[in-house]
Protein backbone atom coordinates (compact mmCIF):
# COMPACT_ATOMS: atom_id res chain seq x y z
CA MET A 1 7.55 -52.88 97.06
CA LEU A 2 7.42 -56.66 97.38
CA ALA A 3 3.78 -56.42 98.50
CA ASP A 4 3.04 -54.36 95.37
CA ALA A 5 4.82 -56.97 93.24
CA PHE A 6 2.79 -59.84 94.74
CA ASP A 7 -0.47 -57.88 94.38
CA SER A 8 0.36 -57.07 90.75
CA PHE A 9 1.18 -60.68 89.92
CA ALA A 10 -2.03 -61.93 91.52
CA GLN A 11 -4.03 -59.33 89.61
CA ILE A 12 -2.88 -60.74 86.25
CA PHE A 13 -5.28 -63.64 86.71
CA SER A 14 -8.25 -61.54 87.82
CA PRO A 15 -11.25 -61.38 85.44
CA PRO A 16 -10.59 -57.82 84.13
CA PHE A 17 -7.00 -58.74 83.28
CA ARG A 18 -7.76 -62.11 81.70
CA GLY A 19 -9.50 -60.61 78.68
CA VAL A 20 -6.52 -58.37 77.94
CA MET A 21 -4.12 -61.24 78.58
CA TRP A 22 -5.77 -63.56 76.07
CA LYS A 23 -6.01 -60.85 73.41
CA SER A 24 -2.34 -59.99 73.86
CA LEU A 25 -1.17 -63.61 73.84
CA GLY A 26 -3.39 -64.48 70.88
CA LEU A 27 -2.04 -61.65 68.73
CA THR A 28 1.52 -62.46 69.79
CA ALA A 29 1.10 -66.13 68.84
CA ALA A 30 -0.40 -65.17 65.46
CA ILE A 31 2.50 -62.81 64.66
CA LEU A 32 5.12 -65.39 65.67
CA VAL A 33 3.44 -68.15 63.65
CA LEU A 34 3.20 -65.96 60.55
CA ALA A 35 6.82 -64.88 60.96
CA GLY A 36 7.93 -68.48 61.42
CA VAL A 37 6.01 -69.71 58.36
CA GLY A 38 7.36 -66.88 56.24
CA LEU A 39 10.97 -67.48 57.28
CA ASP A 40 10.54 -71.22 56.79
CA ARG A 41 9.23 -70.78 53.24
CA LEU A 42 12.08 -68.40 52.44
CA ALA A 43 14.66 -70.81 53.82
CA LEU A 44 13.17 -73.78 51.94
CA SER A 45 13.46 -71.89 48.66
CA LEU A 46 17.20 -71.53 49.32
CA ILE A 47 17.84 -75.04 50.60
CA HIS A 48 17.19 -76.73 47.25
CA VAL A 49 20.12 -74.90 45.69
CA GLY A 50 23.22 -77.17 45.60
CA PRO A 51 23.90 -80.85 46.44
CA SER A 52 21.47 -82.91 48.53
CA TRP A 53 23.81 -83.23 51.53
CA LEU A 54 24.05 -79.45 51.70
CA GLY A 55 20.26 -79.26 51.68
CA THR A 56 20.08 -81.62 54.66
CA VAL A 57 22.62 -79.60 56.63
CA LEU A 58 20.86 -76.36 55.80
CA SER A 59 17.50 -77.87 56.81
CA ILE A 60 18.85 -78.68 60.28
CA ILE A 61 20.45 -75.25 60.63
CA VAL A 62 17.25 -73.53 59.52
CA ALA A 63 15.11 -75.53 61.95
CA LEU A 64 17.39 -74.70 64.87
CA GLY A 65 17.59 -71.08 63.75
CA LEU A 66 13.82 -70.77 63.54
CA ILE A 67 13.38 -72.17 67.03
CA ALA A 68 16.04 -69.85 68.44
CA GLY A 69 14.63 -66.89 66.55
CA ILE A 70 11.08 -67.45 67.77
CA VAL A 71 12.31 -67.82 71.35
CA LEU A 72 14.35 -64.62 71.03
CA LEU A 73 11.52 -62.68 69.41
CA ALA A 74 8.73 -63.91 71.71
CA ALA A 75 9.35 -61.41 74.52
CA PRO A 76 9.88 -58.34 72.26
CA THR A 77 6.82 -59.29 70.22
CA VAL A 78 4.59 -59.52 73.26
CA LEU A 79 5.98 -56.17 74.44
CA PHE A 80 4.96 -54.59 71.14
CA VAL A 81 1.53 -56.23 71.01
CA ALA A 82 0.78 -55.48 74.65
CA SER A 83 1.55 -51.78 74.12
CA PHE A 84 -1.90 -51.50 72.54
CA PHE A 85 -3.54 -52.72 75.76
CA LEU A 86 -1.37 -51.26 78.52
CA ASP A 87 -3.56 -48.20 79.03
CA ASP A 88 -6.50 -50.54 79.66
CA ILE A 89 -4.45 -52.36 82.29
CA ALA A 90 -3.27 -49.12 83.91
CA THR A 91 -6.85 -47.84 84.09
CA ILE A 92 -8.02 -51.01 85.85
CA VAL A 93 -5.20 -50.80 88.40
CA GLU A 94 -5.68 -47.08 89.07
CA ARG A 95 -9.40 -47.57 89.59
CA GLU A 96 -8.75 -50.36 92.08
CA ILE A 97 -6.00 -48.79 94.20
CA ASP A 98 -7.11 -45.13 94.05
CA PRO A 99 -10.74 -44.92 92.93
CA LEU A 100 -11.19 -41.26 93.94
CA ALA A 101 -8.21 -39.92 92.00
CA ALA A 102 -8.47 -38.48 88.50
CA PRO A 103 -7.90 -41.21 85.89
CA GLY A 104 -4.79 -41.10 83.74
CA ARG A 105 -4.75 -40.00 80.12
CA PRO A 106 -4.35 -42.82 77.59
CA ALA A 107 -1.54 -42.33 75.10
CA PRO A 108 -2.58 -41.62 71.47
CA LEU A 109 -2.51 -44.64 69.15
CA ILE A 110 0.50 -43.41 67.17
CA ALA A 111 2.43 -42.76 70.37
CA SER A 112 1.54 -46.25 71.65
CA VAL A 113 2.76 -47.86 68.43
CA ALA A 114 5.99 -45.84 68.47
CA MET A 115 6.58 -46.66 72.13
CA GLY A 116 5.92 -50.36 71.54
CA LEU A 117 8.32 -50.51 68.57
CA ARG A 118 11.04 -48.63 70.45
CA PHE A 119 10.66 -50.85 73.49
CA ALA A 120 10.75 -54.03 71.38
CA VAL A 121 13.89 -52.94 69.51
CA LEU A 122 15.64 -51.91 72.73
CA SER A 123 14.69 -55.25 74.31
CA ILE A 124 16.21 -57.16 71.38
CA LEU A 125 19.41 -55.09 71.52
CA VAL A 126 19.79 -55.49 75.27
CA ASN A 127 19.34 -59.24 75.11
CA ILE A 128 21.80 -59.54 72.20
CA VAL A 129 24.33 -57.77 74.43
CA VAL A 130 23.46 -60.18 77.25
CA LEU A 131 23.96 -63.15 74.89
CA LEU A 132 27.36 -61.82 73.76
CA LEU A 133 28.43 -61.24 77.36
CA THR A 134 27.35 -64.77 78.21
CA LEU A 135 29.34 -66.27 75.35
CA PHE A 136 32.52 -64.25 75.75
CA THR A 137 32.73 -63.15 79.39
CA GLY A 138 30.60 -65.51 81.44
CA VAL A 139 28.72 -62.69 83.18
CA GLY A 140 25.51 -63.13 81.22
CA PHE A 141 23.38 -64.03 84.25
CA VAL A 142 24.36 -60.88 86.13
CA SER A 143 24.20 -58.65 83.05
CA PHE A 144 20.71 -59.97 82.23
CA PHE A 145 19.31 -58.55 85.46
CA LEU A 146 21.43 -55.39 85.46
CA LEU A 147 20.62 -54.35 81.89
CA ASN A 148 17.01 -55.52 81.76
CA GLY A 149 16.39 -54.06 85.21
CA TYR A 150 17.36 -50.62 83.96
CA LEU A 151 15.46 -50.89 80.66
CA LEU A 152 12.27 -52.37 82.11
CA GLY A 153 12.23 -50.05 85.10
CA ARG A 154 12.72 -46.94 82.98
CA GLU A 155 10.23 -47.78 80.25
CA TYR A 156 7.36 -49.04 82.39
CA PHE A 157 7.69 -46.36 85.05
CA GLU A 158 7.65 -43.59 82.46
CA LEU A 159 4.67 -45.22 80.77
CA ALA A 160 2.76 -45.15 84.07
CA ALA A 161 3.89 -41.64 84.94
CA MET A 162 3.08 -40.12 81.54
CA ARG A 163 -0.57 -40.98 82.05
CA HIS A 164 -0.57 -38.13 84.59
CA LEU A 165 2.50 -36.01 83.82
CA ALA A 166 4.11 -34.33 80.84
CA PRO A 167 6.94 -36.46 79.37
CA GLY A 168 9.66 -34.20 80.81
CA ASP A 169 8.10 -34.31 84.28
CA ALA A 170 7.77 -38.10 84.07
CA VAL A 171 11.46 -38.43 83.24
CA ALA A 172 12.39 -36.06 86.07
CA LEU A 173 10.33 -38.05 88.57
CA ARG A 174 11.92 -41.28 87.38
CA ARG A 175 15.38 -39.82 87.90
CA ARG A 176 14.52 -38.58 91.40
CA THR A 177 13.32 -42.05 92.35
CA SER A 178 15.87 -43.94 90.26
CA GLY A 179 16.81 -46.38 93.03
CA GLN A 180 13.23 -47.57 93.57
CA VAL A 181 12.54 -47.66 89.84
CA TYR A 182 15.68 -49.68 89.17
CA LEU A 183 14.90 -52.17 91.95
CA ALA A 184 11.38 -52.57 90.56
CA GLY A 185 12.90 -53.15 87.11
CA VAL A 186 15.11 -55.91 88.52
CA ILE A 187 12.03 -57.57 90.00
CA ILE A 188 10.32 -57.38 86.61
CA SER A 189 13.39 -58.90 84.95
CA GLY A 190 12.95 -61.88 87.27
CA VAL A 191 9.60 -62.53 85.58
CA VAL A 192 11.23 -62.07 82.16
CA ALA A 193 13.78 -64.77 83.05
CA VAL A 194 11.09 -67.45 83.41
CA PRO A 195 10.05 -69.04 80.06
CA LEU A 196 6.33 -68.72 79.24
CA LEU A 197 5.82 -66.56 82.32
CA ASN A 198 7.76 -63.85 80.50
CA LEU A 199 4.84 -63.54 78.07
CA LEU A 200 2.87 -61.99 80.94
CA THR A 201 5.59 -59.42 81.67
CA PRO A 202 3.78 -56.37 80.19
CA LEU A 203 0.68 -56.98 82.29
CA PHE A 204 2.64 -57.55 85.50
CA ALA A 205 5.05 -54.68 84.87
CA THR A 206 2.29 -52.18 84.09
CA ALA A 207 0.31 -53.10 87.20
CA PHE A 208 3.48 -52.98 89.30
CA MET A 209 4.71 -49.62 88.00
CA VAL A 210 1.29 -47.98 88.32
CA ARG A 211 1.42 -48.90 92.00
CA LEU A 212 4.97 -47.59 92.32
CA TYR A 213 4.06 -44.33 90.58
CA LYS A 214 1.13 -43.80 92.92
CA ARG A 215 3.46 -44.23 95.92
CA VAL A 216 6.15 -41.81 94.79
CA ALA A 217 4.11 -39.19 92.91
């Protein structure tokens, strides 16, 4: 599994992956910038209500809030954006590691959008729980890997499996190999934990889980 993880990480920077990577990161950056500008304009329209000292305080709070919000939304946003390109990544990996096998079936566009939105929302919810556990229990570090390991392992493995199996069969295979899938998810969460590197998570996770699927299928 570690060899698959290292191979998947190295593949991110290969020429076929780089095109997808730049498209994904470019769209993510554009969405975050537009969201930041929109929230900033909305906040500025509210700041000018009341005394000047209140405006100054609100300006500082808004600036810190925008920074925190963009940091929090960066990973879910890239998950959503990358969902449009993950079939391309999976096809490249399958062709490289098993060129004689039948290629997987790309998900329909509507299904890809729905999956990306669901994954992004679940990611936000999980990391809000992690933040609350960090603030109130002190177990945030452990919970980050435990919760994200489960979520990332489940979602990316099923994405890889459903290219070849019906959804019910993909879920059944994931449950039969739950230990391996969970461990792979924990490894992926290690990439998520590194700032900036976490923007490459969808590419790494897809390549990694395609390899894992091929081993257990």
